Every structure is written in structure tokens, then in C-alpha cells.
Amino acid sequence: MIEFAPVIWVSAVTVTLVAGLVKGATGFALPLIMVSGLSTIMPPQLAVAGILVPVVVSNALQTFRKGVRPAVEAVRAYWRYVLILCVSIVLFAQAVPHIDPQTFMLVLGIPVLILSLIQLFGVRLFVAPRHRGWAEWVGGVISGALGGLAGTWGPITVLYLMAVDTPKERQVIIQGVIYGTGSVMLFVAHLYSGILNTATAPFSALLAVPALFGMWVGFKIQDRLDQNLFRKATLVVLVIAGLNLIRRGVFG
């Protein structure tokens, strides 16, 4: 077990609590907030290790909150995205100990920011039904690459689900399924990469507690949001996510 000063523990728990609240309210952004917050108080590789257990348990809760049947239906509807996401996460995660992902974050952060701002100002992105097959493959590869390198695959996934005009409740379930399967693959991948080990695993497991409490509060907020307000709140979080990716790409 890695030892931290009390101030580091308090900061880590606070960051995780906020991340859980945002995920409960919008269905995503827990790893993004955790990685960016934890990276300011500890080495980036340790921050990535810290998110692994909270990501798995929070996505399991989100996926099955409405029962098993909706989750199964989501897998059937988005199997292409889930499949290529998982494969991409495993492949790119092996590169974490060997490469600097800053350039990759910058390249992805800019389009996430631009696309989110465009939609906030009233322009709707739309993927026609006849194009959804190849769009799922492309979106899954990009999301999986970002997930493998940085532990977060939410922004591209959310942009895609919004582009196919997914209703709020279904979107949250599908996000849970996609993030859940991806998080399990990320967990396994980092067992092999060495990021998650006997020293870092207890730290990650302890952070699952504030993550779940934050989600419980966030669920209360989500249940009160109508579809339009949910969409705007999601886009605001995406703008923040894009800015954070750019920050990390520029400053590390």
C-alpha cells in the first residue's frame, strides 16, 4: 500500500467525490475528472492506477441501475462500438509505460471542445441511420485509444450518442454498458502493463467509496433533469473535458 500525507488523501477523496457526483448526474466524466485532479497531486501513472477500481464499480452501478434487461438491449444495439472499444483499450493501454500521451490528448481535446461548443450554440450534430454502422467503428477506435492512453473514453462516446439522438435514460444506460465493458478491459490491461499492482490496488479500492457516494448524490440530480437540460449539462461537462484534455496536452 502506497503511503500518502493526510493532505494528499483528503485531496484525492474530494476529487473522487466530485467525479462521482458528476458521473451520477450526467453518466460520464468520472475518470476524466479523477485523472486530471489526481495528476496534480501525484505522478500520472499513479493517478491512472487510482481510477481503475472506482471506474469499474461506478460503471457497474450505472449499467444495472434500471435492471439487467435494458443493459442487455444496449449491448445488442451497440455491439460494434463495445467490441472495437475494448480491443482498442487493450492495445493502447500497453503503450502507457512507454510513451508520452500529451500529443494524443491535444489532438483529441481540440475537436471535443469545438464540437461541444458548436452544439451548445444550437447546431445539432446528426448521424443518419444508414451511417451508424461505420460511425460506431470509428468512434469506438478513437474512444478506445483515448481510454487506453489516458483512462477516459467518455467524450467521444457521449458526442456519438448525442449525434444519434439517444434519449436521456437510454443514453445513461448505454454509457454505463460501454464504459463498464471498457473499464473491465482497462483494469485487465493495466494488470498486464504493471500500472495496477499490489502497491496501487488498495489505493484504488479505497477511492471506490467516495466515488459511489458521489454517484448516489448525482443520481438524485439526474432524475430531476429533463431531456433538454440533461443535454445542455452534458455539453457543458464536455466543454470542460475538452479544455482539460488541451491543458494536459500542452502542460502535461
Protein backbone atom coordinates (compact mmCIF):
# COMPACT_ATOMS: atom_id res chain seq x y z
CA MET A 1 0.00 0.00 0.00
CA ILE A 2 1.38 3.37 -1.01
CA GLU A 3 1.56 5.86 1.85
CA PHE A 4 0.40 9.46 1.41
CA ALA A 5 0.40 12.54 3.58
CA PRO A 6 -3.07 13.29 5.06
CA VAL A 7 -3.50 16.32 2.78
CA ILE A 8 -2.99 14.10 -0.28
CA TRP A 9 -5.64 11.65 0.96
CA VAL A 10 -8.13 14.45 1.62
CA SER A 11 -7.49 15.92 -1.83
CA ALA A 12 -7.82 12.52 -3.53
CA VAL A 13 -11.10 11.74 -1.76
CA THR A 14 -12.50 15.20 -2.60
CA VAL A 15 -11.62 14.86 -6.28
CA THR A 16 -13.19 11.40 -6.41
CA LEU A 17 -16.35 12.57 -4.64
CA VAL A 18 -16.83 15.38 -7.18
CA ALA A 19 -16.11 12.97 -10.04
CA GLY A 20 -18.75 10.56 -8.74
CA LEU A 21 -21.33 13.34 -8.40
CA VAL A 22 -20.79 14.49 -12.00
CA LYS A 23 -20.98 10.92 -13.28
CA GLY A 24 -24.20 10.29 -11.38
CA ALA A 25 -25.74 13.44 -12.85
CA THR A 26 -24.56 13.12 -16.47
CA GLY A 27 -23.49 9.49 -16.84
CA PHE A 28 -19.81 10.10 -17.55
CA ALA A 29 -16.62 12.06 -16.74
CA LEU A 30 -15.55 10.20 -13.58
CA PRO A 31 -12.19 9.01 -14.97
CA LEU A 32 -11.61 12.33 -16.71
CA ILE A 33 -12.10 14.35 -13.52
CA MET A 34 -10.20 11.85 -11.39
CA VAL A 35 -7.19 11.61 -13.69
CA SER A 36 -6.90 15.37 -14.14
CA GLY A 37 -7.40 16.05 -10.42
CA LEU A 38 -5.19 13.27 -9.09
CA SER A 39 -2.44 14.10 -11.57
CA THR A 40 -1.96 17.46 -9.88
CA ILE A 41 -1.03 15.83 -6.55
CA MET A 42 0.71 12.59 -7.61
CA PRO A 43 2.55 11.03 -10.59
CA PRO A 44 0.31 10.50 -13.67
CA GLN A 45 0.78 6.72 -13.72
CA LEU A 46 -0.34 6.51 -10.08
CA ALA A 47 -3.35 8.68 -10.94
CA VAL A 48 -4.30 6.23 -13.72
CA ALA A 49 -3.97 3.34 -11.24
CA GLY A 50 -6.18 5.19 -8.76
CA ILE A 51 -9.15 5.40 -11.14
CA LEU A 52 -9.29 1.73 -12.08
CA VAL A 53 -11.44 0.26 -9.26
CA PRO A 54 -13.76 3.31 -8.96
CA VAL A 55 -14.34 3.21 -12.71
CA VAL A 56 -15.30 -0.47 -12.69
CA VAL A 57 -17.69 -0.31 -9.71
CA SER A 58 -19.29 3.01 -10.72
CA ASN A 59 -19.98 1.76 -14.25
CA ALA A 60 -21.47 -1.46 -12.90
CA LEU A 61 -23.83 0.59 -10.74
CA GLN A 62 -24.78 2.84 -13.66
CA THR A 63 -25.29 -0.10 -16.05
CA PHE A 64 -27.64 -2.10 -13.84
CA ARG A 65 -29.41 0.73 -12.01
CA LYS A 66 -32.52 0.18 -14.16
CA GLY A 67 -32.17 -3.62 -14.26
CA VAL A 68 -30.48 -6.25 -16.42
CA ARG A 69 -32.80 -6.20 -19.44
CA PRO A 70 -32.08 -2.58 -20.53
CA ALA A 71 -28.35 -3.30 -20.27
CA VAL A 72 -28.66 -6.42 -22.45
CA GLU A 73 -30.66 -4.45 -25.04
CA ALA A 74 -27.98 -1.77 -25.07
CA VAL A 75 -25.26 -4.33 -25.78
CA ARG A 76 -27.27 -5.74 -28.69
CA ALA A 77 -27.83 -2.28 -30.15
CA TYR A 78 -24.23 -1.05 -29.82
CA TRP A 79 -22.17 -4.24 -30.07
CA ARG A 80 -19.84 -2.79 -32.72
CA TYR A 81 -18.90 0.16 -30.56
CA VAL A 82 -18.37 -2.02 -27.48
CA LEU A 83 -16.25 -4.56 -29.36
CA ILE A 84 -13.83 -2.16 -31.04
CA LEU A 85 -13.63 -0.02 -27.88
CA CYS A 86 -12.47 -3.00 -25.81
CA VAL A 87 -9.90 -4.12 -28.38
CA SER A 88 -8.52 -0.58 -28.73
CA ILE A 89 -8.26 -0.08 -24.96
CA VAL A 90 -6.21 -3.24 -24.52
CA LEU A 91 -3.86 -2.38 -27.38
CA PHE A 92 -3.26 1.26 -26.46
CA ALA A 93 -3.01 0.61 -22.71
CA GLN A 94 0.18 -1.38 -23.27
CA ALA A 95 1.82 1.80 -24.54
CA VAL A 96 1.21 3.81 -21.35
CA PRO A 97 4.51 2.94 -19.63
CA HIS A 98 6.46 3.69 -22.83
CA ILE A 99 5.01 6.81 -24.48
CA ASP A 100 4.01 10.34 -23.60
CA PRO A 101 0.28 10.71 -24.38
CA GLN A 102 0.30 14.55 -24.29
CA THR A 103 0.17 15.00 -28.07
CA PHE A 104 -2.66 12.49 -28.32
CA MET A 105 -4.67 14.35 -25.68
CA LEU A 106 -4.14 17.64 -27.51
CA VAL A 107 -5.24 16.18 -30.84
CA LEU A 108 -8.46 14.81 -29.28
CA GLY A 109 -9.14 17.70 -26.90
CA ILE A 110 -9.44 20.30 -29.65
CA PRO A 111 -12.22 18.57 -31.66
CA VAL A 112 -14.09 17.61 -28.45
CA LEU A 113 -14.08 21.27 -27.39
CA ILE A 114 -15.09 22.61 -30.82
CA LEU A 115 -17.88 20.07 -31.37
CA SER A 116 -19.29 20.64 -27.87
CA LEU A 117 -19.28 24.45 -28.24
CA ILE A 118 -20.96 24.22 -31.65
CA GLN A 119 -23.80 22.18 -30.15
CA LEU A 120 -24.12 24.46 -27.12
CA PHE A 121 -24.75 27.33 -29.53
CA GLY A 122 -27.57 25.46 -31.21
CA VAL A 123 -26.02 23.41 -34.03
CA ARG A 124 -27.03 19.76 -33.75
CA LEU A 125 -24.68 17.03 -34.93
CA PHE A 126 -26.59 14.17 -36.54
CA VAL A 127 -25.56 10.74 -37.79
CA ALA A 128 -28.13 9.29 -40.18
CA PRO A 129 -29.25 5.69 -39.51
CA ARG A 130 -27.59 4.44 -42.71
CA HIS A 131 -24.20 5.73 -41.50
CA ARG A 132 -24.33 4.46 -37.92
CA GLY A 133 -22.51 1.21 -38.63
CA TRP A 134 -19.22 2.74 -39.75
CA ALA A 135 -19.64 5.65 -37.31
CA GLU A 136 -19.69 3.18 -34.41
CA TRP A 137 -16.45 1.55 -35.60
CA VAL A 138 -14.68 4.90 -35.98
CA GLY A 139 -15.98 6.29 -32.68
CA GLY A 140 -15.07 3.09 -30.85
CA VAL A 141 -11.47 3.14 -32.09
CA ILE A 142 -10.94 6.78 -31.13
CA SER A 143 -12.58 6.33 -27.73
CA GLY A 144 -10.64 3.15 -27.05
CA ALA A 145 -7.34 4.81 -27.93
CA LEU A 146 -8.05 7.68 -25.55
CA GLY A 147 -9.20 5.20 -22.90
CA GLY A 148 -6.10 3.06 -23.20
CA LEU A 149 -3.72 6.01 -23.04
CA ALA A 150 -5.47 8.27 -20.54
CA GLY A 151 -8.11 6.12 -18.83
CA THR A 152 -11.03 8.16 -20.18
CA TRP A 153 -13.21 7.33 -23.18
CA GLY A 154 -16.29 9.37 -22.28
CA PRO A 155 -16.15 12.50 -24.50
CA ILE A 156 -16.19 10.76 -27.90
CA THR A 157 -18.78 8.24 -26.72
CA VAL A 158 -21.12 10.97 -25.49
CA LEU A 159 -20.70 13.00 -28.69
CA TYR A 160 -21.66 9.93 -30.72
CA LEU A 161 -24.71 9.06 -28.59
CA MET A 162 -25.93 12.64 -28.82
CA ALA A 163 -25.39 12.64 -32.60
CA VAL A 164 -27.72 9.63 -32.92
CA ASP A 165 -30.28 11.44 -30.74
CA THR A 166 -30.35 8.98 -27.84
CA PRO A 167 -32.99 9.69 -25.13
CA LYS A 168 -31.68 10.57 -21.66
CA GLU A 169 -32.44 7.34 -19.77
CA ARG A 170 -31.30 5.11 -22.62
CA GLN A 171 -28.15 7.22 -23.10
CA VAL A 172 -27.16 6.81 -19.45
CA ILE A 173 -27.66 3.02 -19.61
CA ILE A 174 -25.74 2.70 -22.87
CA GLN A 175 -22.94 4.84 -21.47
CA GLY A 176 -22.84 2.55 -18.45
CA VAL A 177 -22.58 -0.54 -20.67
CA ILE A 178 -19.90 0.95 -22.91
CA TYR A 179 -17.90 2.38 -20.03
CA GLY A 180 -18.43 -0.75 -17.95
CA THR A 181 -17.07 -3.17 -20.53
CA GLY A 182 -14.29 -0.74 -21.37
CA SER A 183 -13.36 -0.27 -17.72
CA VAL A 184 -13.06 -4.03 -17.17
CA MET A 185 -10.76 -4.25 -20.19
CA LEU A 186 -8.75 -1.29 -18.89
CA PHE A 187 -8.49 -2.95 -15.48
CA VAL A 188 -7.20 -6.19 -17.02
CA ALA A 189 -4.90 -4.35 -19.42
CA HIS A 190 -3.21 -2.48 -16.59
CA LEU A 191 -2.72 -5.67 -14.63
CA TYR A 192 -0.51 -6.68 -17.55
CA SER A 193 1.07 -3.24 -18.06
CA GLY A 194 2.08 -3.12 -14.37
CA ILE A 195 0.18 0.10 -13.61
CA LEU A 196 -2.14 -1.82 -11.24
CA ASN A 197 -0.15 -3.89 -8.76
CA THR A 198 -0.09 -4.90 -5.08
CA ALA A 199 1.03 -1.40 -4.08
CA THR A 200 -1.51 0.61 -6.12
CA ALA A 201 -4.58 -1.69 -5.97
CA PRO A 202 -5.50 -0.92 -2.30
CA PHE A 203 -5.28 2.82 -3.02
CA SER A 204 -7.64 2.44 -5.99
CA ALA A 205 -10.05 0.25 -3.99
CA LEU A 206 -10.34 2.83 -1.18
CA LEU A 207 -11.25 5.55 -3.70
CA ALA A 208 -14.28 3.50 -4.77
CA VAL A 209 -16.10 4.54 -1.57
CA PRO A 210 -16.26 8.33 -2.24
CA ALA A 211 -16.92 7.59 -5.92
CA LEU A 212 -20.08 5.60 -5.13
CA PHE A 213 -21.31 8.12 -2.57
CA GLY A 214 -20.86 10.91 -5.10
CA MET A 215 -22.80 8.91 -7.69
CA TRP A 216 -25.68 8.40 -5.27
CA VAL A 217 -25.98 12.18 -4.89
CA GLY A 218 -25.59 12.66 -8.65
CA PHE A 219 -28.41 10.21 -9.41
CA LYS A 220 -30.76 12.44 -7.40
CA ILE A 221 -29.81 15.35 -9.64
CA GLN A 222 -30.11 13.33 -12.87
CA ASP A 223 -33.66 12.19 -12.02
CA ARG A 224 -34.78 15.83 -11.89
CA LEU A 225 -33.30 16.87 -15.26
CA ASP A 226 -35.49 16.95 -18.37
CA GLN A 227 -34.04 15.88 -21.75
CA ASN A 228 -33.04 19.39 -22.90
CA LEU A 229 -31.44 20.36 -19.60
CA PHE A 230 -29.66 16.99 -19.46
CA ARG A 231 -28.25 17.61 -22.95
CA LYS A 232 -27.00 21.08 -22.03
CA ALA A 233 -25.45 19.87 -18.78
CA THR A 234 -23.72 17.09 -20.69
CA LEU A 235 -22.35 19.53 -23.25
CA VAL A 236 -21.02 21.83 -20.52
CA VAL A 237 -19.16 18.89 -18.98
CA LEU A 238 -17.82 18.02 -22.46
CA VAL A 239 -16.53 21.58 -22.91
CA ILE A 240 -14.71 21.31 -19.58
CA ALA A 241 -13.41 17.88 -20.63
CA GLY A 242 -12.11 19.26 -23.91
CA LEU A 243 -10.38 22.17 -22.17
CA ASN A 244 -8.81 19.78 -19.70
CA LEU A 245 -7.53 17.50 -22.47
CA ILE A 246 -5.97 20.51 -24.19
CA ARG A 247 -4.43 21.66 -20.89
CA ARG A 248 -2.90 18.26 -20.33
CA GLY A 249 -1.72 18.12 -23.92
CA VAL A 250 0.03 21.48 -23.60
CA PHE A 251 1.27 21.43 -20.00
CA GLY A 252 1.29 17.72 -19.13
